Amino acid sequence: MDGKLNYVYAVYQEGSFTRAAEKLYISQPSLSAMVKKAEQALGAVIFDRGTNPLELTEAGRAYIQYIERVRQCEEELNEKLWDIQHLTKGRVRLGGSNYVLSGIVPLILERILPQYPGIEIELVEEKSFTLEKMLQAGELDLVIDSFTPGEGDAAQVYHHLLDEKILLAVPQGDPDNQALEDCQLTRDMILRGKSPARSLPGEALEGLLSKPFILLRRENDMYQRAETIFRRVQIQPQVRLELDQLFTSLQYTKAGLGCSFVTDTLFRYGSHHQGICLYPLGEGAGTVRELCVVHKKGKYLSYACRLLIDTARQVFGG
């Protein structure tokens, strides 16, 4: 990309001529002069220098949008050229939650990396909200995450992998489990696609949902689903702790500190069933979500990205 575009974009990202100059390893007067030349060529001021941090003028916002389109076009060109020259190589920036990167992604990569050792995978672990922003900003090529069926973003393309069922995890030592043994799921039942002998009675569900809970934080998809489930039975949750990761909440439930909501995928592709009792939540709102590979609509997909998507769908039958 043209040098002055890089200089302007660095100032925009840093919100400061001083920090941008340090990042670019040039002096601040030199950077200021380059930005001034860009403004003269544009015929308009790009930055409002009376603000701290610097803010864009209306012309500046249009100019930054132009720079971002140029950056995207250059990135796509480089990816296409790389595909042409290195059919068995490439790089994928893949984002996911802790649960996805530790339990789902290894099952995909164990099929790819031994056969294509030249492919580089950069993994980024973040929450769903942050991953979506990074995907739209072009900072990630692909994201594997969970979504409510039919409620995806029109600016993204979704490749379905599997449906996840939301389960209620209760500490094994809870005395109510004994009378509800025939309502519980085991890992073997999950693997075989079997259901418990009887459904959890409404009053029993209300009793379990009235216990202390370990919930994920508000920006997490599972918090939104928990809120829907509690609202459905008109119960105000007793939140004992709020955590960031699904795996962590399950460990706290195993320790007897409270109930939590988990997914059947945790047990289908991992052995995390000791120390808890699992109950299905039926077919109500918030109890099923789709696990998908997602990319930005209109983005050029490199050979390596397409290989990862195809392999993921083969692994999970998507």
Protein backbone atom coordinates (compact mmCIF):
# COMPACT_ATOMS: atom_id res chain seq x y z
CA MET A 1 0.00 0.00 0.00
CA ASP A 2 1.19 3.53 -0.76
CA GLY A 3 3.39 4.97 1.99
CA LYS A 4 1.24 7.97 2.83
CA LEU A 5 -1.81 5.73 3.23
CA ASN A 6 0.11 3.66 5.77
CA TYR A 7 1.13 6.81 7.63
CA VAL A 8 -2.42 8.17 7.78
CA TYR A 9 -3.83 4.82 8.86
CA ALA A 10 -1.24 4.45 11.63
CA VAL A 11 -2.20 7.87 13.03
CA TYR A 12 -5.88 6.86 12.86
CA GLN A 13 -5.21 3.57 14.70
CA GLU A 14 -3.07 5.15 17.42
CA GLY A 15 -5.10 8.35 17.80
CA SER A 16 -1.81 10.23 18.17
CA PHE A 17 1.03 11.45 15.96
CA THR A 18 3.53 10.66 18.71
CA ARG A 19 2.46 7.01 19.20
CA ALA A 20 2.11 6.46 15.44
CA ALA A 21 5.63 7.82 14.84
CA GLU A 22 7.02 5.44 17.46
CA LYS A 23 5.19 2.53 15.86
CA LEU A 24 6.53 3.45 12.41
CA TYR A 25 10.07 4.17 13.67
CA ILE A 26 10.13 7.66 12.18
CA SER A 27 10.27 11.13 13.73
CA GLN A 28 7.04 12.93 14.59
CA PRO A 29 7.85 15.96 12.34
CA SER A 30 8.41 13.62 9.38
CA LEU A 31 5.10 11.85 10.03
CA SER A 32 3.25 15.15 10.41
CA ALA A 33 4.71 16.34 7.10
CA MET A 34 3.61 13.15 5.30
CA VAL A 35 0.07 13.45 6.66
CA LYS A 36 0.01 17.13 5.65
CA LYS A 37 0.97 16.14 2.08
CA ALA A 38 -1.84 13.56 2.05
CA GLU A 39 -4.29 16.26 3.17
CA GLN A 40 -3.05 18.65 0.48
CA ALA A 41 -3.48 15.96 -2.19
CA LEU A 42 -6.95 15.18 -0.85
CA GLY A 43 -7.88 18.86 -0.64
CA ALA A 44 -9.34 18.39 2.85
CA VAL A 45 -8.25 18.03 6.46
CA ILE A 46 -8.20 14.40 7.67
CA PHE A 47 -7.68 14.83 11.44
CA ASP A 48 -9.14 17.31 13.90
CA ARG A 49 -5.93 18.25 15.68
CA GLY A 50 -7.78 20.07 18.44
CA THR A 51 -8.98 16.80 20.02
CA ASN A 52 -7.16 14.28 22.21
CA PRO A 53 -7.14 11.54 21.07
CA LEU A 54 -7.26 12.75 17.47
CA GLU A 55 -10.64 12.47 15.77
CA LEU A 56 -11.44 12.15 12.08
CA THR A 57 -13.15 14.89 10.13
CA GLU A 58 -15.99 13.92 7.80
CA ALA A 59 -13.50 13.84 4.92
CA GLY A 60 -11.14 11.85 7.13
CA ARG A 61 -13.76 9.16 7.75
CA ALA A 62 -14.29 8.77 3.99
CA TYR A 63 -10.52 8.60 3.47
CA ILE A 64 -10.07 5.88 6.13
CA GLN A 65 -12.87 3.83 4.52
CA TYR A 66 -10.99 4.12 1.22
CA ILE A 67 -7.72 3.01 2.88
CA GLU A 68 -9.45 -0.02 4.44
CA ARG A 69 -10.84 -1.06 1.04
CA VAL A 70 -7.35 -0.76 -0.47
CA ARG A 71 -5.91 -2.87 2.37
CA GLN A 72 -8.57 -5.53 1.85
CA CYS A 73 -7.96 -5.64 -1.93
CA GLU A 74 -4.20 -5.98 -1.40
CA GLU A 75 -4.72 -8.76 1.14
CA GLU A 76 -7.00 -10.67 -1.25
CA LEU A 77 -4.50 -10.25 -4.09
CA ASN A 78 -1.69 -11.59 -1.92
CA GLU A 79 -3.81 -14.58 -0.89
CA LYS A 80 -4.70 -15.37 -4.52
CA LEU A 81 -1.07 -15.12 -5.60
CA TRP A 82 -0.03 -17.34 -2.69
CA ASP A 83 -2.62 -19.94 -3.71
CA ILE A 84 -1.35 -19.91 -7.28
CA GLN A 85 2.28 -20.34 -6.24
CA HIS A 86 1.89 -22.60 -3.17
CA LEU A 87 -1.09 -24.92 -3.49
CA THR A 88 -0.15 -26.89 -0.39
CA LYS A 89 0.73 -23.88 1.76
CA GLY A 90 -1.12 -20.94 3.24
CA ARG A 91 -2.14 -19.18 6.43
CA VAL A 92 -5.43 -19.11 8.31
CA ARG A 93 -6.29 -16.73 11.15
CA LEU A 94 -8.90 -18.68 13.10
CA GLY A 95 -10.83 -17.38 16.09
CA GLY A 96 -12.85 -19.19 18.73
CA SER A 97 -13.69 -19.38 22.40
CA ASN A 98 -11.62 -21.39 24.87
CA TYR A 99 -14.15 -24.21 24.61
CA VAL A 100 -13.95 -24.27 20.78
CA LEU A 101 -10.15 -24.00 20.55
CA SER A 102 -9.54 -26.71 23.16
CA GLY A 103 -12.31 -29.18 22.28
CA ILE A 104 -13.34 -28.65 18.64
CA VAL A 105 -10.41 -27.25 16.67
CA PRO A 106 -7.93 -30.05 17.56
CA LEU A 107 -10.26 -32.58 15.89
CA ILE A 108 -10.03 -30.54 12.68
CA LEU A 109 -6.33 -29.75 12.73
CA GLU A 110 -5.28 -33.34 13.42
CA ARG A 111 -6.56 -34.14 9.93
CA ILE A 112 -5.00 -31.13 8.20
CA LEU A 113 -1.56 -30.43 9.63
CA PRO A 114 0.04 -33.89 9.19
CA GLN A 115 -0.99 -33.89 5.52
CA TYR A 116 -0.33 -30.17 4.86
CA PRO A 117 2.59 -29.18 7.13
CA GLY A 118 3.12 -25.99 5.13
CA ILE A 119 -0.20 -24.51 6.25
CA GLU A 120 0.13 -22.05 9.13
CA ILE A 121 -2.75 -21.72 11.61
CA GLU A 122 -2.89 -18.64 13.83
CA LEU A 123 -5.36 -19.21 16.68
CA VAL A 124 -7.06 -16.32 18.49
CA GLU A 125 -9.02 -16.97 21.70
CA GLU A 126 -11.70 -14.38 22.49
CA LYS A 127 -15.36 -14.00 23.46
CA SER A 128 -18.08 -14.15 20.79
CA PHE A 129 -18.65 -10.38 20.71
CA THR A 130 -14.95 -9.65 20.15
CA LEU A 131 -14.56 -12.42 17.56
CA GLU A 132 -17.38 -10.98 15.45
CA LYS A 133 -15.81 -7.52 15.51
CA MET A 134 -12.41 -8.94 14.53
CA LEU A 135 -13.99 -10.92 11.68
CA GLN A 136 -15.71 -7.84 10.26
CA ALA A 137 -12.52 -5.79 10.63
CA GLY A 138 -10.59 -8.36 8.57
CA GLU A 139 -8.39 -9.33 11.53
CA LEU A 140 -9.60 -12.94 11.32
CA ASP A 141 -10.25 -15.14 8.28
CA LEU A 142 -12.58 -17.62 9.99
CA VAL A 143 -14.41 -17.97 13.29
CA ILE A 144 -15.90 -21.11 14.79
CA ASP A 145 -18.70 -20.15 17.17
CA SER A 146 -22.26 -20.92 18.23
CA PHE A 147 -25.34 -19.13 16.89
CA THR A 148 -29.11 -19.22 17.29
CA PRO A 149 -30.58 -20.95 14.19
CA GLY A 150 -31.81 -18.42 11.63
CA GLU A 151 -30.47 -15.37 13.48
CA GLY A 152 -27.12 -14.88 11.77
CA ASP A 153 -25.64 -11.62 10.50
CA ALA A 154 -26.40 -10.98 6.81
CA ALA A 155 -22.82 -9.71 6.36
CA GLN A 156 -21.43 -13.16 7.20
CA VAL A 157 -21.50 -16.63 5.61
CA TYR A 158 -22.25 -19.59 7.89
CA HIS A 159 -21.11 -23.18 7.31
CA HIS A 160 -23.09 -25.45 9.63
CA LEU A 161 -21.11 -28.05 11.57
CA LEU A 162 -23.50 -29.43 14.18
CA ASP A 163 -26.39 -28.65 16.52
CA GLU A 164 -25.57 -28.32 20.21
CA LYS A 165 -28.06 -29.01 22.97
CA ILE A 166 -27.92 -26.95 26.14
CA LEU A 167 -27.89 -29.12 29.27
CA LEU A 168 -28.26 -28.37 32.96
CA ALA A 169 -25.26 -29.52 35.03
CA VAL A 170 -25.89 -30.12 38.75
CA PRO A 171 -23.23 -31.03 41.33
CA GLN A 172 -23.26 -34.79 41.91
CA GLY A 173 -23.61 -34.34 45.67
CA ASP A 174 -26.88 -32.41 45.41
CA PRO A 175 -29.54 -34.44 47.29
CA ASP A 176 -32.24 -33.80 44.64
CA ASN A 177 -30.35 -35.91 42.09
CA GLN A 178 -31.28 -39.20 43.75
CA ALA A 179 -35.01 -38.88 43.04
CA LEU A 180 -34.34 -37.71 39.47
CA GLU A 181 -31.94 -40.44 38.37
CA ASP A 182 -34.18 -41.61 35.51
CA CYS A 183 -34.26 -38.02 34.14
CA GLN A 184 -30.49 -37.78 33.82
CA LEU A 185 -28.25 -38.05 30.76
CA THR A 186 -25.02 -40.04 30.75
CA ARG A 187 -22.14 -39.59 28.30
CA ASP A 188 -22.97 -42.96 26.75
CA MET A 189 -26.55 -41.78 26.12
CA ILE A 190 -25.23 -38.58 24.50
CA LEU A 191 -22.91 -40.59 22.22
CA ARG A 192 -25.75 -42.91 21.24
CA GLY A 193 -28.30 -40.13 20.77
CA LYS A 194 -30.53 -41.58 23.50
CA SER A 195 -32.87 -39.74 25.88
CA PRO A 196 -33.50 -40.38 29.59
CA ALA A 197 -36.29 -42.75 30.65
CA ARG A 198 -38.50 -39.77 31.51
CA SER A 199 -38.49 -36.03 31.03
CA LEU A 200 -37.65 -33.75 33.90
CA PRO A 201 -40.98 -32.75 35.55
CA GLY A 202 -41.78 -29.06 35.52
CA GLU A 203 -41.70 -28.69 39.29
CA ALA A 204 -38.36 -30.54 39.46
CA LEU A 205 -36.89 -28.24 36.78
CA GLU A 206 -38.07 -25.19 38.70
CA GLY A 207 -36.49 -26.61 41.85
CA LEU A 208 -33.13 -27.14 40.15
CA LEU A 209 -33.22 -23.71 38.51
CA SER A 210 -33.84 -22.13 41.92
CA LYS A 211 -30.45 -23.34 43.20
CA PRO A 212 -27.25 -21.22 43.20
CA PHE A 213 -25.76 -20.91 39.70
CA ILE A 214 -22.41 -20.38 38.04
CA LEU A 215 -23.11 -18.28 34.92
CA LEU A 216 -20.95 -16.90 32.16
CA ARG A 217 -20.67 -13.14 31.78
CA ARG A 218 -23.22 -11.08 29.84
CA GLU A 219 -21.18 -10.76 26.64
CA ASN A 220 -21.12 -14.57 26.31
CA ASP A 221 -23.71 -16.39 24.20
CA MET A 222 -24.42 -18.86 27.02
CA TYR A 223 -25.47 -16.04 29.35
CA GLN A 224 -28.13 -14.95 26.85
CA ARG A 225 -29.44 -18.52 26.65
CA ALA A 226 -29.47 -18.90 30.43
CA GLU A 227 -31.45 -15.67 30.68
CA THR A 228 -34.00 -17.06 28.19
CA ILE A 229 -34.36 -20.33 30.14
CA PHE A 230 -34.85 -18.56 33.48
CA ARG A 231 -37.36 -16.16 31.92
CA ARG A 232 -39.32 -19.10 30.49
CA VAL A 233 -39.93 -20.55 33.96
CA GLN A 234 -40.22 -17.09 35.56
CA ILE A 235 -37.36 -17.59 38.01
CA GLN A 236 -34.86 -14.95 39.10
CA PRO A 237 -31.49 -16.77 39.10
CA GLN A 238 -29.34 -16.97 42.21
CA VAL A 239 -26.00 -16.08 40.63
CA ARG A 240 -23.16 -17.17 42.86
CA LEU A 241 -20.32 -16.48 40.39
CA GLU A 242 -19.88 -15.10 36.86
CA LEU A 243 -17.03 -16.52 34.78
CA ASP A 244 -15.58 -16.17 31.28
CA GLN A 245 -15.25 -19.78 30.11
CA LEU A 246 -17.62 -22.73 29.73
CA PHE A 247 -14.97 -25.22 30.87
CA THR A 248 -14.30 -23.18 33.99
CA SER A 249 -17.99 -23.02 34.97
CA LEU A 250 -18.18 -26.82 34.61
CA GLN A 251 -15.20 -27.25 36.95
CA TYR A 252 -16.89 -25.07 39.55
CA THR A 253 -20.04 -27.19 39.27
CA LYS A 254 -17.95 -30.34 39.77
CA ALA A 255 -16.60 -28.70 42.93
CA GLY A 256 -20.15 -28.35 44.23
CA LEU A 257 -20.26 -24.55 44.06
CA GLY A 258 -23.40 -24.27 41.94
CA CYS A 259 -25.29 -25.47 38.89
CA SER A 260 -24.34 -24.35 35.38
CA PHE A 261 -25.46 -24.57 31.77
CA VAL A 262 -23.25 -26.61 29.44
CA THR A 263 -23.48 -28.17 25.97
CA ASP A 264 -23.68 -31.81 24.97
CA THR A 265 -20.63 -31.20 22.73
CA LEU A 266 -18.43 -30.99 25.84
CA PHE A 267 -19.26 -34.61 26.59
CA ARG A 268 -19.54 -35.88 23.02
CA TYR A 269 -15.96 -34.85 22.23
CA GLY A 270 -14.44 -34.91 25.71
CA SER A 271 -14.62 -36.78 29.03
CA HIS A 272 -15.94 -34.16 31.44
CA HIS A 273 -18.89 -36.04 32.92
CA GLN A 274 -17.46 -37.07 36.31
CA GLY A 275 -18.70 -35.25 39.39
CA ILE A 276 -21.92 -33.89 37.86
CA CYS A 277 -25.44 -34.93 36.91
CA LEU A 278 -26.76 -33.80 33.52
CA TYR A 279 -30.37 -32.96 32.66
CA PRO A 280 -31.78 -32.16 29.19
CA LEU A 281 -33.87 -28.99 29.01
CA GLY A 282 -36.34 -30.04 26.33
CA GLU A 283 -37.04 -28.18 23.11
CA GLY A 284 -37.86 -24.73 24.47
CA ALA A 285 -36.31 -21.42 23.48
CA GLY A 286 -32.60 -21.15 24.12
CA THR A 287 -31.94 -24.89 24.40
CA VAL A 288 -30.40 -25.52 20.94
CA ARG A 289 -27.68 -23.63 19.09
CA GLU A 290 -25.68 -24.17 15.87
CA LEU A 291 -21.92 -24.50 15.80
CA CYS A 292 -20.69 -22.95 12.54
CA VAL A 293 -17.56 -21.90 10.69
CA VAL A 294 -18.09 -18.27 9.71
CA HIS A 295 -16.39 -15.85 7.33
CA LYS A 296 -17.12 -12.37 6.10
CA LYS A 297 -19.39 -12.24 3.05
CA GLY A 298 -17.51 -11.33 -0.12
CA LYS A 299 -14.12 -12.21 1.32
CA TYR A 300 -11.78 -14.19 -0.91
CA LEU A 301 -11.27 -17.62 0.67
CA SER A 302 -7.77 -18.95 0.26
CA TYR A 303 -7.10 -22.61 -0.44
CA ALA A 304 -6.11 -23.08 3.20
CA CYS A 305 -9.39 -21.51 4.44
CA ARG A 306 -11.48 -23.67 2.12
CA LEU A 307 -9.56 -26.75 3.24
CA LEU A 308 -10.27 -25.96 6.90
CA ILE A 309 -14.00 -25.42 6.24
CA ASP A 310 -14.33 -28.63 4.21
CA THR A 311 -12.40 -30.66 6.79
CA ALA A 312 -14.50 -29.29 9.66
CA ARG A 313 -17.69 -30.28 7.88
CA GLN A 314 -16.32 -33.76 7.22
CA VAL A 315 -15.37 -34.21 10.88
CA PHE A 316 -18.72 -33.10 12.25
CA GLY A 317 -21.02 -34.15 9.44
CA GLY A 318 -22.08 -30.58 8.70
